[in-house]
Amino acid sequence: MKNGFDMAAVRFFAGLNGHRGLDDVFVYGLHYNTVQTLPIAMIAFAMWLTAPRDGRRSDIIMTGFIAAIVVVALAMASKLFLPARPRPAALGLYPFTRQDFPFDWSSLPSDTLAILSAFTAAMWTAERRWGIVGIAMCVLVAIAKMFAGYHYPTDILIGAGLGVATFTGLWRFTDIGHRANRIVALAYRRAPVAITAALAFVAVSFGTLFADQRVLVKYMLGKESISGETTRVTAAAGGRVVVQMLP
């Protein structure tokens, strides 16, 4: 699944690795899921909390949350059941600063960009200024993913397209956001503590990119040990990365 466009980008970003200032920002600063996804998820959550429960904005943001959950499931299904695409750093063709990659996950699509794009599409539809913030975060994270050797440009574009398309489809052709808001409001009146705990769980899960849940699903499907250790990554002579699949 290599192409000239992707490989040119891999070569370009690999050439920027090793620059201390750039590494600090794009390899380390923007590396963690809580930095990449949690701020946008929290902005969306705040927009939902401050919107009238029976208003259009509340329905839009709720649709965005549902779309983000849907794209996580779609992205994971594609990684589990479609042919795997090795991450750029796993090719061993160019040196990258980080070597602690989840090599057992296919790089296609970028689930992080799928989630961010679903939220951003909802925020843009509800209020343009917050949509601009979401777009800026998407661009920064996309650069970080390519800079660190996690994703190819096409991974990013397909992930972002998946997020936008999922939100747009749900918002334009269903009333799932409105229905979900009614269910949440009814449930909150009956069990406010349980619903608050559930919302907190969802928020934390977005902050970790549903990492634990994905490992559990892979384990249940027999594709991973419960510890998550299905690969051993070692560096051979010349810095080439070697990935050994464990039984």
C-alpha atoms as a PDB file:
ATOM      1  CA  MET A   1       0.000   0.000   0.000  1.00  0.00           C
ATOM      2  CA  LYS A   2       2.985   2.289  -0.504  1.00  0.00           C
ATOM      3  CA  ASN A   3       2.722   5.232  -2.864  1.00  0.00           C
ATOM      4  CA  GLY A   4       4.985   8.082  -3.874  1.00  0.00           C
ATOM      5  CA  PHE A   5       3.014  10.723  -1.999  1.00  0.00           C
ATOM      6  CA  ASP A   6       3.111   8.837   1.301  1.00  0.00           C
ATOM      7  CA  MET A   7       6.768   7.858   1.011  1.00  0.00           C
ATOM      8  CA  ALA A   8       7.817  11.406   0.128  1.00  0.00           C
ATOM      9  CA  ALA A   9       6.080  12.610   3.299  1.00  0.00           C
ATOM     10  CA  VAL A  10       7.705   9.861   5.379  1.00  0.00           C
ATOM     11  CA  ARG A  11      11.137  10.850   4.053  1.00  0.00           C
ATOM     12  CA  PHE A  12      10.454  14.556   4.680  1.00  0.00           C
ATOM     13  CA  PHE A  13       9.286  14.153   8.280  1.00  0.00           C
ATOM     14  CA  ALA A  14      11.977  11.594   9.119  1.00  0.00           C
ATOM     15  CA  GLY A  15      14.526  14.167   7.992  1.00  0.00           C
ATOM     16  CA  LEU A  16      13.170  16.611  10.578  1.00  0.00           C
ATOM     17  CA  ASN A  17      13.540  14.110  13.434  1.00  0.00           C
ATOM     18  CA  GLY A  18      16.440  14.750  15.764  1.00  0.00           C
ATOM     19  CA  HIS A  19      15.890  18.513  15.885  1.00  0.00           C
ATOM     20  CA  ARG A  20      15.489  19.170  19.593  1.00  0.00           C
ATOM     21  CA  GLY A  21      12.895  21.923  19.347  1.00  0.00           C
ATOM     22  CA  LEU A  22      10.733  20.076  16.845  1.00  0.00           C
ATOM     23  CA  ASP A  23      11.072  16.782  18.724  1.00  0.00           C
ATOM     24  CA  ASP A  24       9.999  18.482  21.951  1.00  0.00           C
ATOM     25  CA  VAL A  25       6.775  19.694  20.324  1.00  0.00           C
ATOM     26  CA  PHE A  26       5.763  17.039  17.821  1.00  0.00           C
ATOM     27  CA  VAL A  27       7.355  13.835  19.145  1.00  0.00           C
ATOM     28  CA  TYR A  28       6.978  14.327  22.897  1.00  0.00           C
ATOM     29  CA  GLY A  29       4.638  17.240  23.629  1.00  0.00           C
ATOM     30  CA  LEU A  30       1.860  16.087  21.309  1.00  0.00           C
ATOM     31  CA  HIS A  31       2.514  12.371  21.764  1.00  0.00           C
ATOM     32  CA  TYR A  32      -0.013  11.590  24.492  1.00  0.00           C
ATOM     33  CA  ASN A  33      -3.686  10.879  23.904  1.00  0.00           C
ATOM     34  CA  THR A  34      -4.696  13.182  26.757  1.00  0.00           C
ATOM     35  CA  VAL A  35      -3.027  16.031  24.863  1.00  0.00           C
ATOM     36  CA  GLN A  36      -4.369  15.047  21.459  1.00  0.00           C
ATOM     37  CA  THR A  37      -8.018  14.202  22.094  1.00  0.00           C
ATOM     38  CA  LEU A  38      -9.067  15.172  25.614  1.00  0.00           C
ATOM     39  CA  PRO A  39      -8.996  19.004  25.163  1.00  0.00           C
ATOM     40  CA  ILE A  40     -11.337  18.887  22.157  1.00  0.00           C
ATOM     41  CA  ALA A  41     -13.584  16.321  23.844  1.00  0.00           C
ATOM     42  CA  MET A  42     -13.791  18.563  26.920  1.00  0.00           C
ATOM     43  CA  ILE A  43     -14.636  21.632  24.815  1.00  0.00           C
ATOM     44  CA  ALA A  44     -17.406  19.653  23.126  1.00  0.00           C
ATOM     45  CA  PHE A  45     -18.628  18.427  26.497  1.00  0.00           C
ATOM     46  CA  ALA A  46     -18.689  21.999  27.845  1.00  0.00           C
ATOM     47  CA  MET A  47     -20.637  23.136  24.775  1.00  0.00           C
ATOM     48  CA  TRP A  48     -23.164  20.383  25.424  1.00  0.00           C
ATOM     49  CA  LEU A  49     -23.464  21.195  29.135  1.00  0.00           C
ATOM     50  CA  THR A  50     -24.043  24.910  28.509  1.00  0.00           C
ATOM     51  CA  ALA A  51     -26.572  24.408  25.701  1.00  0.00           C
ATOM     52  CA  PRO A  52     -30.319  24.164  26.382  1.00  0.00           C
ATOM     53  CA  ARG A  53     -31.190  20.481  26.627  1.00  0.00           C
ATOM     54  CA  ASP A  54     -33.956  20.839  24.038  1.00  0.00           C
ATOM     55  CA  GLY A  55     -31.958  23.066  21.696  1.00  0.00           C
ATOM     56  CA  ARG A  56     -30.316  22.504  18.314  1.00  0.00           C
ATOM     57  CA  ARG A  57     -26.779  23.016  19.639  1.00  0.00           C
ATOM     58  CA  SER A  58     -27.217  20.336  22.261  1.00  0.00           C
ATOM     59  CA  ASP A  59     -28.421  17.889  19.588  1.00  0.00           C
ATOM     60  CA  ILE A  60     -25.457  18.729  17.337  1.00  0.00           C
ATOM     61  CA  ILE A  61     -22.861  18.108  20.034  1.00  0.00           C
ATOM     62  CA  MET A  62     -24.540  14.909  21.186  1.00  0.00           C
ATOM     63  CA  THR A  63     -24.455  13.731  17.571  1.00  0.00           C
ATOM     64  CA  GLY A  64     -20.744  14.550  17.548  1.00  0.00           C
ATOM     65  CA  PHE A  65     -20.145  12.377  20.606  1.00  0.00           C
ATOM     66  CA  ILE A  66     -22.049   9.496  19.050  1.00  0.00           C
ATOM     67  CA  ALA A  67     -20.151   9.930  15.776  1.00  0.00           C
ATOM     68  CA  ALA A  68     -16.838   9.842  17.659  1.00  0.00           C
ATOM     69  CA  ILE A  69     -17.793   6.556  19.315  1.00  0.00           C
ATOM     70  CA  VAL A  70     -18.926   5.115  15.974  1.00  0.00           C
ATOM     71  CA  VAL A  71     -15.653   6.017  14.234  1.00  0.00           C
ATOM     72  CA  VAL A  72     -13.638   4.382  17.029  1.00  0.00           C
ATOM     73  CA  ALA A  73     -15.557   1.158  16.366  1.00  0.00           C
ATOM     74  CA  LEU A  74     -15.172   1.484  12.586  1.00  0.00           C
ATOM     75  CA  ALA A  75     -11.462   2.262  12.791  1.00  0.00           C
ATOM     76  CA  MET A  76     -10.837  -0.630  15.143  1.00  0.00           C
ATOM     77  CA  ALA A  77     -12.784  -3.037  12.920  1.00  0.00           C
ATOM     78  CA  SER A  78     -10.700  -1.996   9.927  1.00  0.00           C
ATOM     79  CA  LYS A  79      -7.475  -2.515  11.879  1.00  0.00           C
ATOM     80  CA  LEU A  80      -8.571  -5.941  13.081  1.00  0.00           C
ATOM     81  CA  PHE A  81     -10.086  -7.399   9.931  1.00  0.00           C
ATOM     82  CA  LEU A  82      -8.508  -5.632   6.947  1.00  0.00           C
ATOM     83  CA  PRO A  83      -4.938  -6.274   5.733  1.00  0.00           C
ATOM     84  CA  ALA A  84      -2.473  -4.584   8.082  1.00  0.00           C
ATOM     85  CA  ARG A  85      -0.499  -1.558   6.975  1.00  0.00           C
ATOM     86  CA  PRO A  86       2.834  -1.191   8.815  1.00  0.00           C
ATOM     87  CA  ARG A  87       3.522   2.166  10.390  1.00  0.00           C
ATOM     88  CA  PRO A  88       6.168   4.336   8.656  1.00  0.00           C
ATOM     89  CA  ALA A  89       8.704   3.818  11.441  1.00  0.00           C
ATOM     90  CA  ALA A  90       8.210   0.039  11.232  1.00  0.00           C
ATOM     91  CA  LEU A  91       9.536   0.037   7.668  1.00  0.00           C
ATOM     92  CA  GLY A  92      13.037   0.710   8.975  1.00  0.00           C
ATOM     93  CA  LEU A  93      13.819   2.869   5.957  1.00  0.00           C
ATOM     94  CA  TYR A  94      14.358   6.122   7.812  1.00  0.00           C
ATOM     95  CA  PRO A  95      15.367   7.002  11.389  1.00  0.00           C
ATOM     96  CA  PHE A  96      12.684   8.267  13.772  1.00  0.00           C
ATOM     97  CA  THR A  97      13.269   9.609  17.266  1.00  0.00           C
ATOM     98  CA  ARG A  98      10.663   7.434  18.995  1.00  0.00           C
ATOM     99  CA  GLN A  99      10.799   3.653  18.812  1.00  0.00           C
ATOM    100  CA  ASP A 100       8.028   2.705  21.280  1.00  0.00           C
ATOM    101  CA  PHE A 101       5.274   2.189  18.729  1.00  0.00           C
ATOM    102  CA  PRO A 102       2.153   0.013  18.862  1.00  0.00           C
ATOM    103  CA  PHE A 103       3.398  -1.957  15.867  1.00  0.00           C
ATOM    104  CA  ASP A 104       0.670  -4.576  16.227  1.00  0.00           C
ATOM    105  CA  TRP A 105      -1.915  -1.988  15.169  1.00  0.00           C
ATOM    106  CA  SER A 106      -2.293  -1.191  11.486  1.00  0.00           C
ATOM    107  CA  SER A 107      -1.633   2.453  10.669  1.00  0.00           C
ATOM    108  CA  LEU A 108      -4.750   2.772   8.487  1.00  0.00           C
ATOM    109  CA  PRO A 109      -6.824   4.742   9.329  1.00  0.00           C
ATOM    110  CA  SER A 110      -5.759   7.288  11.949  1.00  0.00           C
ATOM    111  CA  ASP A 111      -8.380   6.763  14.644  1.00  0.00           C
ATOM    112  CA  THR A 112      -7.148   9.849  16.493  1.00  0.00           C
ATOM    113  CA  LEU A 113      -7.919  12.060  13.495  1.00  0.00           C
ATOM    114  CA  ALA A 114     -11.232  10.258  12.995  1.00  0.00           C
ATOM    115  CA  ILE A 115     -12.297  11.153  16.548  1.00  0.00           C
ATOM    116  CA  LEU A 116     -10.986  14.723  16.366  1.00  0.00           C
ATOM    117  CA  SER A 117     -12.657  15.308  13.009  1.00  0.00           C
ATOM    118  CA  ALA A 118     -16.009  14.014  14.245  1.00  0.00           C
ATOM    119  CA  PHE A 119     -15.871  16.421  17.197  1.00  0.00           C
ATOM    120  CA  THR A 120     -14.592  19.267  15.033  1.00  0.00           C
ATOM    121  CA  ALA A 121     -17.386  18.815  12.485  1.00  0.00           C
ATOM    122  CA  ALA A 122     -19.922  19.002  15.306  1.00  0.00           C
ATOM    123  CA  MET A 123     -18.253  22.051  16.864  1.00  0.00           C
ATOM    124  CA  TRP A 124     -18.082  23.795  13.465  1.00  0.00           C
ATOM    125  CA  THR A 125     -21.773  23.111  12.861  1.00  0.00           C
ATOM    126  CA  ALA A 126     -22.730  24.362  16.314  1.00  0.00           C
ATOM    127  CA  GLU A 127     -20.411  27.365  16.616  1.00  0.00           C
ATOM    128  CA  ARG A 128     -17.772  28.399  14.071  1.00  0.00           C
ATOM    129  CA  ARG A 129     -15.187  29.789  16.508  1.00  0.00           C
ATOM    130  CA  TRP A 130     -14.892  26.473  18.334  1.00  0.00           C
ATOM    131  CA  GLY A 131     -14.830  24.678  15.002  1.00  0.00           C
ATOM    132  CA  ILE A 132     -11.744  26.721  14.085  1.00  0.00           C
ATOM    133  CA  VAL A 133     -10.099  25.623  17.330  1.00  0.00           C
ATOM    134  CA  GLY A 134     -10.894  22.024  16.425  1.00  0.00           C
ATOM    135  CA  ILE A 135      -9.427  22.419  12.936  1.00  0.00           C
ATOM    136  CA  ALA A 136      -6.218  23.888  14.387  1.00  0.00           C
ATOM    137  CA  MET A 137      -5.903  20.926  16.763  1.00  0.00           C
ATOM    138  CA  CYS A 138      -6.499  18.477  13.920  1.00  0.00           C
ATOM    139  CA  VAL A 139      -3.676  20.058  11.920  1.00  0.00           C
ATOM    140  CA  LEU A 140      -1.258  19.973  14.868  1.00  0.00           C
ATOM    141  CA  VAL A 141      -2.044  16.349  15.682  1.00  0.00           C
ATOM    142  CA  ALA A 142      -1.811  15.336  12.024  1.00  0.00           C
ATOM    143  CA  ILE A 143       1.670  16.857  11.795  1.00  0.00           C
ATOM    144  CA  ALA A 144       2.688  15.159  15.044  1.00  0.00           C
ATOM    145  CA  LYS A 145       1.458  11.758  13.833  1.00  0.00           C
ATOM    146  CA  MET A 146       3.448  12.016  10.599  1.00  0.00           C
ATOM    147  CA  PHE A 147       6.471  13.596  12.273  1.00  0.00           C
ATOM    148  CA  ALA A 148       6.774  10.733  14.773  1.00  0.00           C
ATOM    149  CA  GLY A 149       6.352   8.015  12.156  1.00  0.00           C
ATOM    150  CA  TYR A 150       2.961   6.841  13.341  1.00  0.00           C
ATOM    151  CA  HIS A 151       0.977   7.562  10.171  1.00  0.00           C
ATOM    152  CA  TYR A 152       1.154   8.262   6.461  1.00  0.00           C
ATOM    153  CA  PRO A 153      -0.703  11.266   5.002  1.00  0.00           C
ATOM    154  CA  THR A 154      -3.342   8.966   3.521  1.00  0.00           C
ATOM    155  CA  ASP A 155      -3.978   7.471   6.987  1.00  0.00           C
ATOM    156  CA  ILE A 156      -4.643  11.002   8.209  1.00  0.00           C
ATOM    157  CA  LEU A 157      -6.885  11.960   5.297  1.00  0.00           C
ATOM    158  CA  ILE A 158      -8.934   8.765   5.457  1.00  0.00           C
ATOM    159  CA  GLY A 159      -9.334   9.056   9.240  1.00  0.00           C
ATOM    160  CA  ALA A 160     -10.387  12.704   9.001  1.00  0.00           C
ATOM    161  CA  GLY A 161     -12.782  11.938   6.155  1.00  0.00           C
ATOM    162  CA  LEU A 162     -14.295   9.084   8.158  1.00  0.00           C
ATOM    163  CA  GLY A 163     -14.932  11.375  11.127  1.00  0.00           C
ATOM    164  CA  VAL A 164     -16.509  14.173   9.097  1.00  0.00           C
ATOM    165  CA  ALA A 165     -18.590  11.797   6.981  1.00  0.00           C
ATOM    166  CA  THR A 166     -19.893   9.901  10.009  1.00  0.00           C
ATOM    167  CA  PHE A 167     -20.975  13.062  11.821  1.00  0.00           C
ATOM    168  CA  THR A 168     -22.501  14.571   8.674  1.00  0.00           C
ATOM    169  CA  GLY A 169     -24.455  11.422   7.904  1.00  0.00           C
ATOM    170  CA  LEU A 170     -25.793  11.082  11.434  1.00  0.00           C
ATOM    171  CA  TRP A 171     -26.701  14.765  11.704  1.00  0.00           C
ATOM    172  CA  ARG A 172     -28.329  15.168   8.286  1.00  0.00           C
ATOM    173  CA  PHE A 173     -30.152  11.871   7.982  1.00  0.00           C
ATOM    174  CA  THR A 174     -31.046  10.886  11.555  1.00  0.00           C
ATOM    175  CA  ASP A 175     -32.272  12.486  14.756  1.00  0.00           C
ATOM    176  CA  ILE A 176     -30.047  10.298  16.919  1.00  0.00           C
ATOM    177  CA  GLY A 177     -28.607  13.291  18.787  1.00  0.00           C
ATOM    178  CA  HIS A 178     -32.062  14.535  19.779  1.00  0.00           C
ATOM    179  CA  ARG A 179     -33.180  11.064  20.824  1.00  0.00           C
ATOM    180  CA  ALA A 180     -30.004  10.511  22.846  1.00  0.00           C
ATOM    181  CA  ASN A 181     -30.478  13.841  24.632  1.00  0.00           C
ATOM    182  CA  ARG A 182     -34.014  12.863  25.625  1.00  0.00           C
ATOM    183  CA  ILE A 183     -32.796   9.507  26.957  1.00  0.00           C
ATOM    184  CA  VAL A 184     -29.960  11.117  28.925  1.00  0.00           C
ATOM    185  CA  ALA A 185     -32.299  13.734  30.408  1.00  0.00           C
ATOM    186  CA  LEU A 186     -34.788  11.076  31.486  1.00  0.00           C
ATOM    187  CA  ALA A 187     -32.084   8.831  32.910  1.00  0.00           C
ATOM    188  CA  TYR A 188     -30.473  11.715  34.779  1.00  0.00           C
ATOM    189  CA  ARG A 189     -33.732  12.539  36.534  1.00  0.00           C
ATOM    190  CA  ARG A 190     -34.007   8.933  37.678  1.00  0.00           C
ATOM    191  CA  ALA A 191     -30.353   8.185  38.486  1.00  0.00           C
ATOM    192  CA  PRO A 192     -28.215  11.344  38.524  1.00  0.00           C
ATOM    193  CA  VAL A 193     -25.204   9.718  40.202  1.00  0.00           C
ATOM    194  CA  ALA A 194     -25.057   6.799  37.771  1.00  0.00           C
ATOM    195  CA  ILE A 195     -25.406   9.042  34.724  1.00  0.00           C
ATOM    196  CA  THR A 196     -22.736  11.438  36.007  1.00  0.00           C
ATOM    197  CA  ALA A 197     -20.381   8.494  36.520  1.00  0.00           C
ATOM    198  CA  ALA A 198     -21.143   7.190  33.022  1.00  0.00           C
ATOM    199  CA  LEU A 199     -20.412  10.576  31.457  1.00  0.00           C
ATOM    200  CA  ALA A 200     -17.126  10.782  33.395  1.00  0.00           C
ATOM    201  CA  PHE A 201     -16.186   7.308  32.137  1.00  0.00           C
ATOM    202  CA  VAL A 202     -16.847   8.324  28.541  1.00  0.00           C
ATOM    203  CA  ALA A 203     -14.771  11.500  28.968  1.00  0.00           C
ATOM    204  CA  VAL A 204     -11.817   9.565  30.397  1.00  0.00           C
ATOM    205  CA  SER A 205     -12.125   6.973  27.622  1.00  0.00           C
ATOM    206  CA  PHE A 206     -11.829   9.667  24.966  1.00  0.00           C
ATOM    207  CA  GLY A 207      -8.778  10.960  26.827  1.00  0.00           C
ATOM    208  CA  THR A 208      -7.089   7.551  26.521  1.00  0.00           C
ATOM    209  CA  LEU A 209      -8.444   6.883  23.010  1.00  0.00           C
ATOM    210  CA  PHE A 210     -10.313   3.876  24.422  1.00  0.00           C
ATOM    211  CA  ALA A 211      -6.955   2.107  24.813  1.00  0.00           C
ATOM    212  CA  ASP A 212      -7.995  -0.379  27.520  1.00  0.00           C
ATOM    213  CA  GLN A 213     -11.267  -1.210  25.791  1.00  0.00           C
ATOM    214  CA  ARG A 214      -9.469  -1.878  22.511  1.00  0.00           C
ATOM    215  CA  VAL A 215      -6.981  -4.226  24.176  1.00  0.00           C
ATOM    216  CA  LEU A 216      -9.876  -6.081  25.815  1.00  0.00           C
ATOM    217  CA  VAL A 217     -11.690  -6.487  22.491  1.00  0.00           C
ATOM    218  CA  LYS A 218      -8.529  -7.794  20.822  1.00  0.00           C
ATOM    219  CA  TYR A 219      -8.074 -10.253  23.677  1.00  0.00           C
ATOM    220  CA  MET A 220     -11.668 -11.454  23.379  1.00  0.00           C
ATOM    221  CA  LEU A 221     -11.151 -11.983  19.645  1.00  0.00           C
ATOM    222  CA  GLY A 222      -7.978 -13.967  20.322  1.00  0.00           C
ATOM    223  CA  LYS A 223      -5.754 -11.393  18.640  1.00  0.00           C
ATOM    224  CA  GLU A 224      -3.811 -10.255  21.700  1.00  0.00           C
ATOM    225  CA  SER A 225      -2.664 -11.411  25.113  1.00  0.00           C
ATOM    226  CA  ILE A 226      -4.366  -9.692  28.041  1.00  0.00           C
ATOM    227  CA  SER A 227      -1.132  -7.811  28.739  1.00  0.00           C
ATOM    228  CA  GLY A 228      -1.190  -6.410  25.219  1.00  0.00           C
ATOM    229  CA  GLU A 229       2.219  -7.876  24.382  1.00  0.00           C
ATOM    230  CA  THR A 230       1.845  -9.428  20.949  1.00  0.00           C
ATOM    231  CA  THR A 231       4.984  -7.931  19.455  1.00  0.00           C
ATOM    232  CA  ARG A 232       8.591  -7.529  20.408  1.00  0.00           C
ATOM    233  CA  VAL A 233      10.364  -4.569  18.847  1.00  0.00           C
ATOM    234  CA  THR A 234      14.136  -4.596  18.629  1.00  0.00           C
ATOM    235  CA  ALA A 235      16.711  -2.490  16.834  1.00  0.00           C
ATOM    236  CA  ALA A 236      19.160  -4.236  14.570  1.00  0.00           C
ATOM    237  CA  ALA A 237      22.426  -2.910  13.204  1.00  0.00           C
ATOM    238  CA  GLY A 238      22.074   0.470  11.557  1.00  0.00           C
ATOM    239  CA  GLY A 239      18.983   1.331  13.585  1.00  0.00           C
ATOM    240  CA  ARG A 240      16.643  -0.817  11.491  1.00  0.00           C
ATOM    241  CA  VAL A 241      13.490  -1.714  13.398  1.00  0.00           C
ATOM    242  CA  VAL A 242      12.637  -5.403  13.581  1.00  0.00           C
ATOM    243  CA  VAL A 243       9.164  -6.514  14.682  1.00  0.00           C
ATOM    244  CA  GLN A 244       8.794 -10.065  15.942  1.00  0.00           C
ATOM    245  CA  MET A 245       5.301 -11.451  16.413  1.00  0.00           C
ATOM    246  CA  LEU A 246       4.974 -13.411  19.629  1.00  0.00           C
ATOM    247  CA  PRO A 247       2.910 -16.614  19.783  1.00  0.00           C
END
